[in-house]
Amino acid sequence: MYNMPAKRLHLAGTATLGPKGQVVIPADVREKMSISPGDKLIVLYVEDKQSVAFVTETQAQEIINHFDTHVTALRDAIKD
């Protein structure tokens, strides 16, 4: 599992789970993430920590592109 340096992990406030399972992300976090009502977020569940994290679709695509670059480099290295 990827270990995030502690200095990059911040307590961002609290959220209350509503009766329909909805969670309101604190306004300052929404501002830092540059998200607005209606934006789609990817929900990640970290089983061993019983935690959730949200990333924007754009962030998720950037992560996928980053992995693709490394997978392609690895595949090319193996071919040689």
C-alpha atoms as a PDB file:
ATOM      1  CA  MET A   1       0.000   0.000   0.000  1.00  0.00           C
ATOM      2  CA  TYR A   2       1.202   3.502  -0.811  1.00  0.00           C
ATOM      3  CA  ASN A   3       2.227   5.428   2.307  1.00  0.00           C
ATOM      4  CA  MET A   4       1.452   9.133   2.052  1.00  0.00           C
ATOM      5  CA  PRO A   5       3.889  11.381   3.940  1.00  0.00           C
ATOM      6  CA  ALA A   6       2.213  12.726   7.096  1.00  0.00           C
ATOM      7  CA  LYS A   7       2.853  16.352   6.101  1.00  0.00           C
ATOM      8  CA  ARG A   8       0.515  15.928   3.113  1.00  0.00           C
ATOM      9  CA  LEU A   9      -2.345  14.529   5.178  1.00  0.00           C
ATOM     10  CA  HIS A  10      -4.529  17.115   6.892  1.00  0.00           C
ATOM     11  CA  LEU A  11      -7.568  17.018   9.129  1.00  0.00           C
ATOM     12  CA  ALA A  12     -10.023  18.847   6.907  1.00  0.00           C
ATOM     13  CA  GLY A  13     -13.011  19.083   9.235  1.00  0.00           C
ATOM     14  CA  THR A  14     -15.957  16.848   9.892  1.00  0.00           C
ATOM     15  CA  ALA A  15     -18.815  15.610   7.759  1.00  0.00           C
ATOM     16  CA  THR A  16     -22.170  14.139   8.715  1.00  0.00           C
ATOM     17  CA  LEU A  17     -23.648  11.190   6.894  1.00  0.00           C
ATOM     18  CA  GLY A  18     -27.217  11.995   5.859  1.00  0.00           C
ATOM     19  CA  PRO A  19     -30.127   9.535   5.757  1.00  0.00           C
ATOM     20  CA  LYS A  20     -29.548   8.855   2.041  1.00  0.00           C
ATOM     21  CA  GLY A  21     -25.825   8.218   2.533  1.00  0.00           C
ATOM     22  CA  GLN A  22     -24.846  11.680   1.336  1.00  0.00           C
ATOM     23  CA  VAL A  23     -21.737  13.376   2.710  1.00  0.00           C
ATOM     24  CA  VAL A  24     -21.131  17.112   2.529  1.00  0.00           C
ATOM     25  CA  ILE A  25     -17.486  17.947   1.857  1.00  0.00           C
ATOM     26  CA  PRO A  26     -16.402  21.003   3.880  1.00  0.00           C
ATOM     27  CA  ALA A  27     -16.375  24.240   1.853  1.00  0.00           C
ATOM     28  CA  ASP A  28     -12.645  24.890   2.299  1.00  0.00           C
ATOM     29  CA  VAL A  29     -11.845  21.402   0.998  1.00  0.00           C
ATOM     30  CA  ARG A  30     -14.162  21.895  -2.004  1.00  0.00           C
ATOM     31  CA  GLU A  31     -12.344  25.146  -2.712  1.00  0.00           C
ATOM     32  CA  LYS A  32      -8.890  23.519  -2.454  1.00  0.00           C
ATOM     33  CA  MET A  33     -10.042  20.692  -4.746  1.00  0.00           C
ATOM     34  CA  SER A  34     -11.673  23.170  -7.160  1.00  0.00           C
ATOM     35  CA  ILE A  35     -14.923  21.210  -7.162  1.00  0.00           C
ATOM     36  CA  SER A  36     -18.465  22.487  -7.529  1.00  0.00           C
ATOM     37  CA  PRO A  37     -21.954  21.011  -7.156  1.00  0.00           C
ATOM     38  CA  GLY A  38     -22.547  18.439  -9.881  1.00  0.00           C
ATOM     39  CA  ASP A  39     -18.859  17.519 -10.316  1.00  0.00           C
ATOM     40  CA  LYS A  40     -18.194  13.785 -10.422  1.00  0.00           C
ATOM     41  CA  LEU A  41     -15.798  12.350  -7.851  1.00  0.00           C
ATOM     42  CA  ILE A  42     -14.161   8.951  -7.701  1.00  0.00           C
ATOM     43  CA  VAL A  43     -14.579   7.332  -4.282  1.00  0.00           C
ATOM     44  CA  LEU A  44     -11.687   5.197  -3.066  1.00  0.00           C
ATOM     45  CA  TYR A  45     -12.084   2.818  -0.129  1.00  0.00           C
ATOM     46  CA  VAL A  46      -8.994   1.804   1.847  1.00  0.00           C
ATOM     47  CA  GLU A  47     -10.100  -1.465   3.409  1.00  0.00           C
ATOM     48  CA  ASP A  48      -7.358  -1.950   5.996  1.00  0.00           C
ATOM     49  CA  LYS A  49      -7.892   1.620   7.255  1.00  0.00           C
ATOM     50  CA  GLN A  50     -11.700   1.561   6.800  1.00  0.00           C
ATOM     51  CA  SER A  51     -11.346   4.972   5.199  1.00  0.00           C
ATOM     52  CA  VAL A  52     -12.609   6.714   2.100  1.00  0.00           C
ATOM     53  CA  ALA A  53     -10.986   9.307  -0.123  1.00  0.00           C
ATOM     54  CA  PHE A  54     -12.340  11.370  -2.973  1.00  0.00           C
ATOM     55  CA  VAL A  55     -10.499  12.307  -6.161  1.00  0.00           C
ATOM     56  CA  THR A  56     -11.814  14.233  -9.119  1.00  0.00           C
ATOM     57  CA  GLU A  57     -12.245  12.497 -12.446  1.00  0.00           C
ATOM     58  CA  THR A  58      -9.413  14.659 -13.782  1.00  0.00           C
ATOM     59  CA  GLN A  59      -7.095  13.557 -10.966  1.00  0.00           C
ATOM     60  CA  ALA A  60      -8.035   9.910 -11.563  1.00  0.00           C
ATOM     61  CA  GLN A  61      -7.256  10.269 -15.283  1.00  0.00           C
ATOM     62  CA  GLU A  62      -3.883  11.849 -14.461  1.00  0.00           C
ATOM     63  CA  ILE A  63      -3.072   8.895 -12.189  1.00  0.00           C
ATOM     64  CA  ILE A  64      -4.052   6.442 -14.948  1.00  0.00           C
ATOM     65  CA  ASN A  65      -1.911   8.324 -17.478  1.00  0.00           C
ATOM     66  CA  HIS A  66       1.031   8.274 -15.050  1.00  0.00           C
ATOM     67  CA  PHE A  67       0.715   4.504 -14.576  1.00  0.00           C
ATOM     68  CA  ASP A  68       0.358   3.998 -18.328  1.00  0.00           C
ATOM     69  CA  THR A  69       3.631   5.838 -18.920  1.00  0.00           C
ATOM     70  CA  HIS A  70       5.434   3.588 -16.443  1.00  0.00           C
ATOM     71  CA  VAL A  71       3.805   0.400 -17.730  1.00  0.00           C
ATOM     72  CA  THR A  72       4.794   1.310 -21.278  1.00  0.00           C
ATOM     73  CA  ALA A  73       8.393   2.010 -20.189  1.00  0.00           C
ATOM     74  CA  LEU A  74       8.520  -1.292 -18.315  1.00  0.00           C
ATOM     75  CA  ARG A  75       7.105  -3.185 -21.288  1.00  0.00           C
ATOM     76  CA  ASP A  76       9.667  -1.562 -23.595  1.00  0.00           C
ATOM     77  CA  ALA A  77      12.491  -2.440 -21.174  1.00  0.00           C
ATOM     78  CA  ILE A  78      11.387  -6.066 -21.049  1.00  0.00           C
ATOM     79  CA  LYS A  79      11.292  -6.298 -24.859  1.00  0.00           C
ATOM     80  CA  ASP A  80      14.955  -5.224 -25.129  1.00  0.00           C
END
